[in-house]
Amino acid sequence: MTVAFWIVSALLGLLFLGAGVMKLARSKETLAGSGMAWTEDFSARSIKVVAALEVLGALGVLLPAATGVAVLLSPVAAVCLAVVMVGAVVVHVRRGESFAPALVPLALAVVGAVLGFLHLA
């Protein structure tokens, strides 16, 4: 169980850390031009807030479990990332776009949360 928890946590953390940093580093126009059409419906500030939440969630998944300090925060952060991805699914459905790519990080976040809570037990 511990190995599965660490594999999922590492994938989840790296995925969201990369996505968040990329959104923080690029402008709204650059993101829209690179295939993230959903950014057209949001302000640049809102996009940066989502990006910051992704980075904080990634750090929240990895750091508590790695340091052994407040380890309950790792599965809680995974739940929060799942909520962010549910929001992403809603945005894509409202825009009439395919939401399938958002399902992989959503599933990873749910599995990470479940494994994290089981890891604590």
PDB file of N, CA and C in Angstrom:
ATOM      1  N   MET A   1       0.824  -1.192   0.000  1.00  0.00           N
ATOM      2  CA  MET A   1       0.000   0.000   0.000  1.00  0.00           C
ATOM      3  C   MET A   1       0.867   1.254   0.000  1.00  0.00           C
ATOM      4  N   THR A   2       1.953   1.223   0.753  1.00  0.00           N
ATOM      5  CA  THR A   2       2.833   2.387   0.839  1.00  0.00           C
ATOM      6  C   THR A   2       3.474   2.697  -0.505  1.00  0.00           C
ATOM      7  N   VAL A   3       3.887   1.667  -1.226  1.00  0.00           N
ATOM      8  CA  VAL A   3       4.507   1.878  -2.534  1.00  0.00           C
ATOM      9  C   VAL A   3       3.503   2.504  -3.502  1.00  0.00           C
ATOM     10  N   ALA A   4       2.285   1.985  -3.513  1.00  0.00           N
ATOM     11  CA  ALA A   4       1.240   2.545  -4.380  1.00  0.00           C
ATOM     12  C   ALA A   4       0.966   4.000  -4.011  1.00  0.00           C
ATOM     13  N   PHE A   5       0.911   4.293  -2.724  1.00  0.00           N
ATOM     14  CA  PHE A   5       0.679   5.668  -2.275  1.00  0.00           C
ATOM     15  C   PHE A   5       1.773   6.600  -2.801  1.00  0.00           C
ATOM     16  N   TRP A   6       3.022   6.177  -2.695  1.00  0.00           N
ATOM     17  CA  TRP A   6       4.122   7.035  -3.127  1.00  0.00           C
ATOM     18  C   TRP A   6       4.166   7.201  -4.644  1.00  0.00           C
ATOM     19  N   ILE A   7       3.840   6.147  -5.376  1.00  0.00           N
ATOM     20  CA  ILE A   7       3.818   6.249  -6.843  1.00  0.00           C
ATOM     21  C   ILE A   7       2.743   7.223  -7.281  1.00  0.00           C
ATOM     22  N   VAL A   8       1.539   7.053  -6.739  1.00  0.00           N
ATOM     23  CA  VAL A   8       0.428   7.936  -7.114  1.00  0.00           C
ATOM     24  C   VAL A   8       0.705   9.369  -6.655  1.00  0.00           C
ATOM     25  N   SER A   9       1.230   9.524  -5.452  1.00  0.00           N
ATOM     26  CA  SER A   9       1.528  10.866  -4.939  1.00  0.00           C
ATOM     27  C   SER A   9       2.582  11.567  -5.788  1.00  0.00           C
ATOM     28  N   ALA A  10       3.605  10.833  -6.182  1.00  0.00           N
ATOM     29  CA  ALA A  10       4.653  11.422  -7.012  1.00  0.00           C
ATOM     30  C   ALA A  10       4.098  11.839  -8.369  1.00  0.00           C
ATOM     31  N   LEU A  11       3.309  10.977  -8.993  1.00  0.00           N
ATOM     32  CA  LEU A  11       2.699  11.322 -10.283  1.00  0.00           C
ATOM     33  C   LEU A  11       1.770  12.525 -10.145  1.00  0.00           C
ATOM     34  N   LEU A  12       0.948  12.506  -9.115  1.00  0.00           N
ATOM     35  CA  LEU A  12       0.005  13.596  -8.881  1.00  0.00           C
ATOM     36  C   LEU A  12       0.749  14.902  -8.636  1.00  0.00           C
ATOM     37  N   GLY A  13       1.750  14.855  -7.774  1.00  0.00           N
ATOM     38  CA  GLY A  13       2.515  16.060  -7.472  1.00  0.00           C
ATOM     39  C   GLY A  13       3.235  16.617  -8.690  1.00  0.00           C
ATOM     40  N   LEU A  14       3.887  15.749  -9.440  1.00  0.00           N
ATOM     41  CA  LEU A  14       4.614  16.211 -10.625  1.00  0.00           C
ATOM     42  C   LEU A  14       3.674  16.753 -11.690  1.00  0.00           C
ATOM     43  N   LEU A  15       2.546  16.097 -11.880  1.00  0.00           N
ATOM     44  CA  LEU A  15       1.574  16.534 -12.875  1.00  0.00           C
ATOM     45  C   LEU A  15       1.064  17.936 -12.560  1.00  0.00           C
ATOM     46  N   PHE A  16       0.622  18.137 -11.325  1.00  0.00           N
ATOM     47  CA  PHE A  16       0.052  19.428 -10.970  1.00  0.00           C
ATOM     48  C   PHE A  16       1.119  20.499 -10.784  1.00  0.00           C
ATOM     49  N   LEU A  17       2.287  20.133 -10.326  1.00  0.00           N
ATOM     50  CA  LEU A  17       3.369  21.108 -10.210  1.00  0.00           C
ATOM     51  C   LEU A  17       3.749  21.630 -11.601  1.00  0.00           C
ATOM     52  N   GLY A  18       3.888  20.716 -12.549  1.00  0.00           N
ATOM     53  CA  GLY A  18       4.213  21.125 -13.913  1.00  0.00           C
ATOM     54  C   GLY A  18       3.134  21.975 -14.546  1.00  0.00           C
ATOM     55  N   ALA A  19       1.883  21.562 -14.387  1.00  0.00           N
ATOM     56  CA  ALA A  19       0.774  22.317 -14.969  1.00  0.00           C
ATOM     57  C   ALA A  19       0.654  23.696 -14.335  1.00  0.00           C
ATOM     58  N   GLY A  20       0.795  23.754 -13.020  1.00  0.00           N
ATOM     59  CA  GLY A  20       0.669  25.032 -12.327  1.00  0.00           C
ATOM     60  C   GLY A  20       1.785  25.998 -12.665  1.00  0.00           C
ATOM     61  N   VAL A  21       3.015  25.507 -12.666  1.00  0.00           N
ATOM     62  CA  VAL A  21       4.158  26.366 -12.991  1.00  0.00           C
ATOM     63  C   VAL A  21       4.046  26.863 -14.424  1.00  0.00           C
ATOM     64  N   MET A  22       3.618  25.999 -15.331  1.00  0.00           N
ATOM     65  CA  MET A  22       3.465  26.404 -16.728  1.00  0.00           C
ATOM     66  C   MET A  22       2.422  27.520 -16.854  1.00  0.00           C
ATOM     67  N   LYS A  23       1.305  27.399 -16.142  1.00  0.00           N
ATOM     68  CA  LYS A  23       0.271  28.442 -16.199  1.00  0.00           C
ATOM     69  C   LYS A  23       0.728  29.726 -15.521  1.00  0.00           C
ATOM     70  N   LEU A  24       1.543  29.610 -14.490  1.00  0.00           N
ATOM     71  CA  LEU A  24       2.083  30.808 -13.831  1.00  0.00           C
ATOM     72  C   LEU A  24       3.089  31.525 -14.721  1.00  0.00           C
ATOM     73  N   ALA A  25       3.870  30.779 -15.479  1.00  0.00           N
ATOM     74  CA  ALA A  25       4.953  31.357 -16.269  1.00  0.00           C
ATOM     75  C   ALA A  25       4.483  31.959 -17.590  1.00  0.00           C
ATOM     76  N   ARG A  26       3.367  31.509 -18.111  1.00  0.00           N
ATOM     77  CA  ARG A  26       2.908  31.969 -19.422  1.00  0.00           C
ATOM     78  C   ARG A  26       1.758  32.948 -19.295  1.00  0.00           C
ATOM     79  N   SER A  27       1.646  33.803 -20.284  1.00  0.00           N
ATOM     80  CA  SER A  27       0.543  34.773 -20.302  1.00  0.00           C
ATOM     81  C   SER A  27      -0.749  34.088 -20.744  1.00  0.00           C
ATOM     82  N   LYS A  28      -1.851  34.742 -20.488  1.00  0.00           N
ATOM     83  CA  LYS A  28      -3.161  34.218 -20.878  1.00  0.00           C
ATOM     84  C   LYS A  28      -3.203  33.993 -22.396  1.00  0.00           C
ATOM     85  N   GLU A  29      -2.659  34.927 -23.148  1.00  0.00           N
ATOM     86  CA  GLU A  29      -2.678  34.826 -24.606  1.00  0.00           C
ATOM     87  C   GLU A  29      -1.845  33.638 -25.093  1.00  0.00           C
ATOM     88  N   THR A  30      -0.697  33.437 -24.471  1.00  0.00           N
ATOM     89  CA  THR A  30       0.158  32.300 -24.841  1.00  0.00           C
ATOM     90  C   THR A  30      -0.531  30.985 -24.528  1.00  0.00           C
ATOM     91  N   LEU A  31      -1.192  30.921 -23.365  1.00  0.00           N
ATOM     92  CA  LEU A  31      -1.909  29.694 -23.003  1.00  0.00           C
ATOM     93  C   LEU A  31      -3.039  29.419 -23.994  1.00  0.00           C
ATOM     94  N   ALA A  32      -3.795  30.459 -24.348  1.00  0.00           N
ATOM     95  CA  ALA A  32      -4.898  30.285 -25.303  1.00  0.00           C
ATOM     96  C   ALA A  32      -4.371  29.838 -26.661  1.00  0.00           C
ATOM     97  N   GLY A  33      -3.245  30.385 -27.065  1.00  0.00           N
ATOM     98  CA  GLY A  33      -2.651  30.020 -28.355  1.00  0.00           C
ATOM     99  C   GLY A  33      -2.067  28.619 -28.376  1.00  0.00           C
ATOM    100  N   SER A  34      -1.774  28.073 -27.183  1.00  0.00           N
ATOM    101  CA  SER A  34      -1.174  26.736 -27.135  1.00  0.00           C
ATOM    102  C   SER A  34      -2.212  25.636 -26.926  1.00  0.00           C
ATOM    103  N   GLY A  35      -3.479  25.958 -27.136  1.00  0.00           N
ATOM    104  CA  GLY A  35      -4.516  24.938 -27.074  1.00  0.00           C
ATOM    105  C   GLY A  35      -5.387  24.975 -25.840  1.00  0.00           C
ATOM    106  N   MET A  36      -5.143  25.901 -24.945  1.00  0.00           N
ATOM    107  CA  MET A  36      -5.986  26.019 -23.749  1.00  0.00           C
ATOM    108  C   MET A  36      -7.053  27.085 -24.004  1.00  0.00           C
ATOM    109  N   ALA A  37      -8.000  26.748 -24.864  1.00  0.00           N
ATOM    110  CA  ALA A  37      -9.030  27.706 -25.260  1.00  0.00           C
ATOM    111  C   ALA A  37      -9.894  28.152 -24.091  1.00  0.00           C
ATOM    112  N   TRP A  38      -9.991  27.332 -23.046  1.00  0.00           N
ATOM    113  CA  TRP A  38     -10.806  27.692 -21.889  1.00  0.00           C
ATOM    114  C   TRP A  38     -10.338  28.978 -21.234  1.00  0.00           C
ATOM    115  N   THR A  39      -9.077  29.347 -21.429  1.00  0.00           N
ATOM    116  CA  THR A  39      -8.555  30.555 -20.798  1.00  0.00           C
ATOM    117  C   THR A  39      -9.237  31.815 -21.314  1.00  0.00           C
ATOM    118  N   GLU A  40      -9.842  31.735 -22.483  1.00  0.00           N
ATOM    119  CA  GLU A  40     -10.547  32.888 -23.047  1.00  0.00           C
ATOM    120  C   GLU A  40     -11.733  33.308 -22.182  1.00  0.00           C
ATOM    121  N   ASP A  41     -12.286  32.378 -21.409  1.00  0.00           N
ATOM    122  CA  ASP A  41     -13.453  32.664 -20.574  1.00  0.00           C
ATOM    123  C   ASP A  41     -13.092  33.205 -19.190  1.00  0.00           C
ATOM    124  N   PHE A  42     -11.796  33.324 -18.897  1.00  0.00           N
ATOM    125  CA  PHE A  42     -11.374  33.719 -17.566  1.00  0.00           C
ATOM    126  C   PHE A  42     -10.381  34.871 -17.628  1.00  0.00           C
ATOM    127  N   SER A  43     -10.332  35.646 -16.563  1.00  0.00           N
ATOM    128  CA  SER A  43      -9.357  36.738 -16.490  1.00  0.00           C
ATOM    129  C   SER A  43      -7.969  36.146 -16.249  1.00  0.00           C
ATOM    130  N   ALA A  44      -6.965  36.947 -16.544  1.00  0.00           N
ATOM    131  CA  ALA A  44      -5.589  36.505 -16.315  1.00  0.00           C
ATOM    132  C   ALA A  44      -5.372  36.215 -14.833  1.00  0.00           C
ATOM    133  N   ARG A  45      -5.982  37.011 -13.982  1.00  0.00           N
ATOM    134  CA  ARG A  45      -5.845  36.807 -12.541  1.00  0.00           C
ATOM    135  C   ARG A  45      -6.450  35.464 -12.110  1.00  0.00           C
ATOM    136  N   SER A  46      -7.625  35.127 -12.645  1.00  0.00           N
ATOM    137  CA  SER A  46      -8.268  33.856 -12.305  1.00  0.00           C
ATOM    138  C   SER A  46      -7.406  32.670 -12.736  1.00  0.00           C
ATOM    139  N   ILE A  47      -6.785  32.786 -13.880  1.00  0.00           N
ATOM    140  CA  ILE A  47      -5.915  31.717 -14.371  1.00  0.00           C
ATOM    141  C   ILE A  47      -4.718  31.552 -13.441  1.00  0.00           C
ATOM    142  N   LYS A  48      -4.156  32.664 -12.984  1.00  0.00           N
ATOM    143  CA  LYS A  48      -3.013  32.605 -12.063  1.00  0.00           C
ATOM    144  C   LYS A  48      -3.427  32.025 -10.712  1.00  0.00           C
ATOM    145  N   VAL A  49      -4.658  32.308 -10.268  1.00  0.00           N
ATOM    146  CA  VAL A  49      -5.147  31.734  -9.006  1.00  0.00           C
ATOM    147  C   VAL A  49      -5.264  30.220  -9.133  1.00  0.00           C
ATOM    148  N   VAL A  50      -5.836  29.755 -10.239  1.00  0.00           N
ATOM    149  CA  VAL A  50      -5.945  28.311 -10.473  1.00  0.00           C
ATOM    150  C   VAL A  50      -4.552  27.685 -10.515  1.00  0.00           C
ATOM    151  N   ALA A  51      -3.624  28.353 -11.184  1.00  0.00           N
ATOM    152  CA  ALA A  51      -2.253  27.845 -11.279  1.00  0.00           C
ATOM    153  C   ALA A  51      -1.611  27.760  -9.894  1.00  0.00           C
ATOM    154  N   ALA A  52      -1.813  28.791  -9.091  1.00  0.00           N
ATOM    155  CA  ALA A  52      -1.245  28.781  -7.738  1.00  0.00           C
ATOM    156  C   ALA A  52      -1.865  27.672  -6.896  1.00  0.00           C
ATOM    157  N   LEU A  53      -3.159  27.439  -7.054  1.00  0.00           N
ATOM    158  CA  LEU A  53      -3.810  26.346  -6.334  1.00  0.00           C
ATOM    159  C   LEU A  53      -3.231  25.004  -6.751  1.00  0.00           C
ATOM    160  N   GLU A  54      -2.942  24.846  -8.030  1.00  0.00           N
ATOM    161  CA  GLU A  54      -2.342  23.601  -8.507  1.00  0.00           C
ATOM    162  C   GLU A  54      -0.950  23.392  -7.908  1.00  0.00           C
ATOM    163  N   VAL A  55      -0.156  24.452  -7.855  1.00  0.00           N
ATOM    164  CA  VAL A  55       1.188  24.345  -7.279  1.00  0.00           C
ATOM    165  C   VAL A  55       1.103  24.036  -5.790  1.00  0.00           C
ATOM    166  N   LEU A  56       0.246  24.766  -5.074  1.00  0.00           N
ATOM    167  CA  LEU A  56       0.089  24.516  -3.637  1.00  0.00           C
ATOM    168  C   LEU A  56      -0.439  23.111  -3.368  1.00  0.00           C
ATOM    169  N   GLY A  57      -1.372  22.654  -4.200  1.00  0.00           N
ATOM    170  CA  GLY A  57      -1.887  21.296  -4.044  1.00  0.00           C
ATOM    171  C   GLY A  57      -0.809  20.250  -4.262  1.00  0.00           C
ATOM    172  N   ALA A  58       0.023  20.472  -5.269  1.00  0.00           N
ATOM    173  CA  ALA A  58       1.126  19.537  -5.541  1.00  0.00           C
ATOM    174  C   ALA A  58       2.089  19.488  -4.364  1.00  0.00           C
ATOM    175  N   LEU A  59       2.436  20.648  -3.843  1.00  0.00           N
ATOM    176  CA  LEU A  59       3.329  20.689  -2.681  1.00  0.00           C
ATOM    177  C   LEU A  59       2.654  20.069  -1.467  1.00  0.00           C
ATOM    178  N   GLY A  60       1.344  20.281  -1.355  1.00  0.00           N
ATOM    179  CA  GLY A  60       0.592  19.715  -0.233  1.00  0.00           C
ATOM    180  C   GLY A  60       0.500  18.208  -0.283  1.00  0.00           C
ATOM    181  N   VAL A  61       0.514  17.656  -1.467  1.00  0.00           N
ATOM    182  CA  VAL A  61       0.490  16.197  -1.604  1.00  0.00           C
ATOM    183  C   VAL A  61       1.860  15.606  -1.240  1.00  0.00           C
ATOM    184  N   LEU A  62       2.917  16.267  -1.663  1.00  0.00           N
ATOM    185  CA  LEU A  62       4.251  15.695  -1.526  1.00  0.00           C
ATOM    186  C   LEU A  62       4.943  15.987  -0.193  1.00  0.00           C
ATOM    187  N   LEU A  63       4.943  17.234   0.228  1.00  0.00           N
ATOM    188  CA  LEU A  63       5.781  17.626   1.368  1.00  0.00           C
ATOM    189  C   LEU A  63       5.370  17.019   2.710  1.00  0.00           C
ATOM    190  N   PRO A  64       4.095  17.023   3.083  1.00  0.00           N
ATOM    191  CA  PRO A  64       3.769  16.449   4.394  1.00  0.00           C
ATOM    192  C   PRO A  64       4.145  14.970   4.503  1.00  0.00           C
ATOM    193  N   ALA A  65       3.849  14.213   3.477  1.00  0.00           N
ATOM    194  CA  ALA A  65       4.181  12.782   3.526  1.00  0.00           C
ATOM    195  C   ALA A  65       5.691  12.570   3.505  1.00  0.00           C
ATOM    196  N   ALA A  66       6.404  13.397   2.751  1.00  0.00           N
ATOM    197  CA  ALA A  66       7.861  13.234   2.651  1.00  0.00           C
ATOM    198  C   ALA A  66       8.570  13.627   3.939  1.00  0.00           C
ATOM    199  N   THR A  67       8.050  14.639   4.621  1.00  0.00           N
ATOM    200  CA  THR A  67       8.714  15.113   5.839  1.00  0.00           C
ATOM    201  C   THR A  67       8.197  14.431   7.091  1.00  0.00           C
ATOM    202  N   GLY A  68       7.025  13.818   7.007  1.00  0.00           N
ATOM    203  CA  GLY A  68       6.429  13.189   8.177  1.00  0.00           C
ATOM    204  C   GLY A  68       5.754  14.188   9.108  1.00  0.00           C
ATOM    205  N   VAL A  69       5.608  15.431   8.665  1.00  0.00           N
ATOM    206  CA  VAL A  69       4.977  16.478   9.463  1.00  0.00           C
ATOM    207  C   VAL A  69       3.573  16.731   8.909  1.00  0.00           C
ATOM    208  N   ALA A  70       2.569  16.612   9.758  1.00  0.00           N
ATOM    209  CA  ALA A  70       1.169  16.846   9.377  1.00  0.00           C
ATOM    210  C   ALA A  70       0.784  16.003   8.163  1.00  0.00           C
ATOM    211  N   VAL A  71       1.041  14.709   8.228  1.00  0.00           N
ATOM    212  CA  VAL A  71       0.823  13.813   7.088  1.00  0.00           C
ATOM    213  C   VAL A  71      -0.633  13.753   6.641  1.00  0.00           C
ATOM    214  N   LEU A  72      -1.558  14.148   7.485  1.00  0.00           N
ATOM    215  CA  LEU A  72      -2.965  14.194   7.092  1.00  0.00           C
ATOM    216  C   LEU A  72      -3.184  15.164   5.939  1.00  0.00           C
ATOM    217  N   LEU A  73      -2.311  16.139   5.808  1.00  0.00           N
ATOM    218  CA  LEU A  73      -2.472  17.134   4.751  1.00  0.00           C
ATOM    219  C   LEU A  73      -2.276  16.560   3.347  1.00  0.00           C
ATOM    220  N   SER A  74      -1.539  15.479   3.205  1.00  0.00           N
ATOM    221  CA  SER A  74      -1.320  14.891   1.876  1.00  0.00           C
ATOM    222  C   SER A  74      -2.621  14.413   1.241  1.00  0.00           C
ATOM    223  N   PRO A  75      -3.425  13.567   1.904  1.00  0.00           N
ATOM    224  CA  PRO A  75      -4.681  13.182   1.277  1.00  0.00           C
ATOM    225  C   PRO A  75      -5.684  14.329   1.187  1.00  0.00           C
ATOM    226  N   VAL A  76      -5.628  15.262   2.124  1.00  0.00           N
ATOM    227  CA  VAL A  76      -6.520  16.431   2.063  1.00  0.00           C
ATOM    228  C   VAL A  76      -6.178  17.270   0.829  1.00  0.00           C
ATOM    229  N   ALA A  77      -4.893  17.448   0.555  1.00  0.00           N
ATOM    230  CA  ALA A  77      -4.475  18.176  -0.647  1.00  0.00           C
ATOM    231  C   ALA A  77      -4.922  17.447  -1.912  1.00  0.00           C
ATOM    232  N   ALA A  78      -4.874  16.127  -1.894  1.00  0.00           N
ATOM    233  CA  ALA A  78      -5.343  15.355  -3.053  1.00  0.00           C
ATOM    234  C   ALA A  78      -6.834  15.559  -3.272  1.00  0.00           C
ATOM    235  N   VAL A  79      -7.601  15.619  -2.188  1.00  0.00           N
ATOM    236  CA  VAL A  79      -9.037  15.904  -2.309  1.00  0.00           C
ATOM    237  C   VAL A  79      -9.241  17.286  -2.918  1.00  0.00           C
ATOM    238  N   CYS A  80      -8.468  18.259  -2.470  1.00  0.00           N
ATOM    239  CA  CYS A  80      -8.576  19.619  -3.013  1.00  0.00           C
ATOM    240  C   CYS A  80      -8.236  19.657  -4.501  1.00  0.00           C
ATOM    241  N   LEU A  81      -7.230  18.904  -4.911  1.00  0.00           N
ATOM    242  CA  LEU A  81      -6.896  18.833  -6.333  1.00  0.00           C
ATOM    243  C   LEU A  81      -8.017  18.164  -7.124  1.00  0.00           C
ATOM    244  N   ALA A  82      -8.670  17.177  -6.524  1.00  0.00           N
ATOM    245  CA  ALA A  82      -9.822  16.548  -7.186  1.00  0.00           C
ATOM    246  C   ALA A  82     -10.938  17.574  -7.390  1.00  0.00           C
ATOM    247  N   VAL A  83     -11.147  18.429  -6.405  1.00  0.00           N
ATOM    248  CA  VAL A  83     -12.173  19.482  -6.529  1.00  0.00           C
ATOM    249  C   VAL A  83     -11.805  20.441  -7.659  1.00  0.00           C
ATOM    250  N   VAL A  84     -10.538  20.801  -7.765  1.00  0.00           N
ATOM    251  CA  VAL A  84     -10.086  21.659  -8.865  1.00  0.00           C
ATOM    252  C   VAL A  84     -10.384  20.989 -10.204  1.00  0.00           C
ATOM    253  N   MET A  85     -10.152  19.686 -10.279  1.00  0.00           N
ATOM    254  CA  MET A  85     -10.395  18.981 -11.542  1.00  0.00           C
ATOM    255  C   MET A  85     -11.878  18.816 -11.843  1.00  0.00           C
ATOM    256  N   VAL A  86     -12.706  18.706 -10.825  1.00  0.00           N
ATOM    257  CA  VAL A  86     -14.158  18.700 -11.063  1.00  0.00           C
ATOM    258  C   VAL A  86     -14.553  20.036 -11.672  1.00  0.00           C
ATOM    259  N   GLY A  87     -13.971  21.113 -11.166  1.00  0.00           N
ATOM    260  CA  GLY A  87     -14.213  22.428 -11.765  1.00  0.00           C
ATOM    261  C   GLY A  87     -13.771  22.480 -13.216  1.00  0.00           C
ATOM    262  N   ALA A  88     -12.647  21.852 -13.526  1.00  0.00           N
ATOM    263  CA  ALA A  88     -12.165  21.812 -14.907  1.00  0.00           C
ATOM    264  C   ALA A  88     -13.144  21.055 -15.802  1.00  0.00           C
ATOM    265  N   VAL A  89     -13.669  19.952 -15.308  1.00  0.00           N
ATOM    266  CA  VAL A  89     -14.660  19.189 -16.079  1.00  0.00           C
ATOM    267  C   VAL A  89     -15.888  20.046 -16.351  1.00  0.00           C
ATOM    268  N   VAL A  90     -16.363  20.757 -15.339  1.00  0.00           N
ATOM    269  CA  VAL A  90     -17.536  21.626 -15.503  1.00  0.00           C
ATOM    270  C   VAL A  90     -17.268  22.695 -16.560  1.00  0.00           C
ATOM    271  N   VAL A  91     -16.092  23.311 -16.515  1.00  0.00           N
ATOM    272  CA  VAL A  91     -15.747  24.347 -17.497  1.00  0.00           C
ATOM    273  C   VAL A  91     -15.765  23.764 -18.906  1.00  0.00           C
ATOM    274  N   HIS A  92     -15.164  22.603 -19.093  1.00  0.00           N
ATOM    275  CA  HIS A  92     -15.114  22.003 -20.430  1.00  0.00           C
ATOM    276  C   HIS A  92     -16.500  21.584 -20.912  1.00  0.00           C
ATOM    277  N   VAL A  93     -17.330  21.069 -20.015  1.00  0.00           N
ATOM    278  CA  VAL A  93     -18.694  20.685 -20.409  1.00  0.00           C
ATOM    279  C   VAL A  93     -19.480  21.928 -20.822  1.00  0.00           C
ATOM    280  N   ARG A  94     -19.373  22.998 -20.057  1.00  0.00           N
ATOM    281  CA  ARG A  94     -20.091  24.236 -20.400  1.00  0.00           C
ATOM    282  C   ARG A  94     -19.641  24.808 -21.733  1.00  0.00           C
ATOM    283  N   ARG A  95     -18.372  24.627 -22.060  1.00  0.00           N
ATOM    284  CA  ARG A  95     -17.850  25.139 -23.333  1.00  0.00           C
ATOM    285  C   ARG A  95     -18.128  24.182 -24.494  1.00  0.00           C
ATOM    286  N   GLY A  96     -18.678  23.014 -24.197  1.00  0.00           N
ATOM    287  CA  GLY A  96     -18.949  22.036 -25.239  1.00  0.00           C
ATOM    288  C   GLY A  96     -17.701  21.329 -25.723  1.00  0.00           C
ATOM    289  N   GLU A  97     -16.673  21.325 -24.908  1.00  0.00           N
ATOM    290  CA  GLU A  97     -15.408  20.683 -25.265  1.00  0.00           C
ATOM    291  C   GLU A  97     -15.333  19.294 -24.638  1.00  0.00           C
ATOM    292  N   SER A  98     -14.396  18.522 -25.108  1.00  0.00           N
ATOM    293  CA  SER A  98     -14.163  17.212 -24.512  1.00  0.00           C
ATOM    294  C   SER A  98     -13.526  17.396 -23.139  1.00  0.00           C
ATOM    295  N   PHE A  99     -14.080  16.702 -22.173  1.00  0.00           N
ATOM    296  CA  PHE A  99     -13.528  16.786 -20.831  1.00  0.00           C
ATOM    297  C   PHE A  99     -12.700  15.544 -20.490  1.00  0.00           C
ATOM    298  N   ALA A 100     -12.526  14.658 -21.455  1.00  0.00           N
ATOM    299  CA  ALA A 100     -11.792  13.410 -21.213  1.00  0.00           C
ATOM    300  C   ALA A 100     -10.376  13.635 -20.682  1.00  0.00           C
ATOM    301  N   PRO A 101      -9.622  14.609 -21.210  1.00  0.00           N
ATOM    302  CA  PRO A 101      -8.268  14.802 -20.665  1.00  0.00           C
ATOM    303  C   PRO A 101      -8.253  15.203 -19.186  1.00  0.00           C
ATOM    304  N   ALA A 102      -9.310  15.801 -18.697  1.00  0.00           N
ATOM    305  CA  ALA A 102      -9.372  16.199 -17.283  1.00  0.00           C
ATOM    306  C   ALA A 102      -9.693  15.016 -16.375  1.00  0.00           C
ATOM    307  N   LEU A 103     -10.172  13.927 -16.947  1.00  0.00           N
ATOM    308  CA  LEU A 103     -10.554  12.777 -16.131  1.00  0.00           C
ATOM    309  C   LEU A 103      -9.341  12.025 -15.569  1.00  0.00           C
ATOM    310  N   VAL A 104      -8.229  12.052 -16.288  1.00  0.00           N
ATOM    311  CA  VAL A 104      -7.033  11.350 -15.810  1.00  0.00           C
ATOM    312  C   VAL A 104      -6.489  12.003 -14.535  1.00  0.00           C
ATOM    313  N   PRO A 105      -6.263  13.331 -14.528  1.00  0.00           N
ATOM    314  CA  PRO A 105      -5.807  13.935 -13.269  1.00  0.00           C
ATOM    315  C   PRO A 105      -6.854  13.845 -12.159  1.00  0.00           C
ATOM    316  N   LEU A 106      -8.133  13.896 -12.518  1.00  0.00           N
ATOM    317  CA  LEU A 106      -9.192  13.753 -11.523  1.00  0.00           C
ATOM    318  C   LEU A 106      -9.123  12.365 -10.885  1.00  0.00           C
ATOM    319  N   ALA A 107      -9.013  11.338 -11.702  1.00  0.00           N
ATOM    320  CA  ALA A 107      -8.925   9.973 -11.174  1.00  0.00           C
ATOM    321  C   ALA A 107      -7.661   9.791 -10.338  1.00  0.00           C
ATOM    322  N   LEU A 108      -6.564  10.363 -10.790  1.00  0.00           N
ATOM    323  CA  LEU A 108      -5.311  10.266 -10.044  1.00  0.00           C
ATOM    324  C   LEU A 108      -5.438  10.944  -8.682  1.00  0.00           C
ATOM    325  N   ALA A 109      -6.112  12.085  -8.644  1.00  0.00           N
ATOM    326  CA  ALA A 109      -6.302  12.790  -7.378  1.00  0.00           C
ATOM    327  C   ALA A 109      -7.200  11.998  -6.432  1.00  0.00           C
ATOM    328  N   VAL A 110      -8.250  11.389  -6.963  1.00  0.00           N
ATOM    329  CA  VAL A 110      -9.149  10.586  -6.119  1.00  0.00           C
ATOM    330  C   VAL A 110      -8.403   9.368  -5.571  1.00  0.00           C
ATOM    331  N   VAL A 111      -7.676   8.691  -6.435  1.00  0.00           N
ATOM    332  CA  VAL A 111      -6.907   7.523  -5.989  1.00  0.00           C
ATOM    333  C   VAL A 111      -5.852   7.944  -4.968  1.00  0.00           C
ATOM    334  N   GLY A 112      -5.207   9.075  -5.216  1.00  0.00           N
ATOM    335  CA  GLY A 112      -4.213   9.578  -4.267  1.00  0.00           C
ATOM    336  C   GLY A 112      -4.825   9.873  -2.905  1.00  0.00           C
ATOM    337  N   ALA A 113      -6.024  10.449  -2.904  1.00  0.00           N
ATOM    338  CA  ALA A 113      -6.697  10.740  -1.639  1.00  0.00           C
ATOM    339  C   ALA A 113      -7.056   9.451  -0.902  1.00  0.00           C
ATOM    340  N   VAL A 114      -7.615   8.504  -1.629  1.00  0.00           N
ATOM    341  CA  VAL A 114      -7.998   7.230  -1.000  1.00  0.00           C
ATOM    342  C   VAL A 114      -6.770   6.518  -0.436  1.00  0.00           C
ATOM    343  N   LEU A 115      -5.719   6.418  -1.245  1.00  0.00           N
ATOM    344  CA  LEU A 115      -4.504   5.753  -0.770  1.00  0.00           C
ATOM    345  C   LEU A 115      -3.878   6.511   0.397  1.00  0.00           C
ATOM    346  N   GLY A 116      -3.966   7.825   0.356  1.00  0.00           N
ATOM    347  CA  GLY A 116      -3.417   8.634   1.444  1.00  0.00           C
ATOM    348  C   GLY A 116      -4.144   8.386   2.756  1.00  0.00           C
ATOM    349  N   PHE A 117      -5.464   8.342   2.693  1.00  0.00           N
ATOM    350  CA  PHE A 117      -6.222   8.071   3.922  1.00  0.00           C
ATOM    351  C   PHE A 117      -5.994   6.651   4.395  1.00  0.00           C
ATOM    352  N   LEU A 118      -5.883   5.697   3.473  1.00  0.00           N
ATOM    353  CA  LEU A 118      -5.589   4.312   3.872  1.00  0.00           C
ATOM    354  C   LEU A 118      -4.183   4.197   4.446  1.00  0.00           C
ATOM    355  N   HIS A 119      -3.272   4.972   3.910  1.00  0.00           N
ATOM    356  CA  HIS A 119      -1.888   4.974   4.386  1.00  0.00           C
ATOM    357  C   HIS A 119      -1.818   5.462   5.839  1.00  0.00           C
ATOM    358  N   LEU A 120      -2.732   6.350   6.213  1.00  0.00           N
ATOM    359  CA  LEU A 120      -2.764   6.869   7.576  1.00  0.00           C
ATOM    360  C   LEU A 120      -3.330   5.880   8.579  1.00  0.00           C
ATOM    361  N   ALA A 121      -4.204   5.026   8.077  1.00  0.00           N
ATOM    362  CA  ALA A 121      -4.893   4.094   8.990  1.00  0.00           C
ATOM    363  C   ALA A 121      -3.988   3.010   9.518  1.00  0.00           C
TER     364      ALA A 121
END
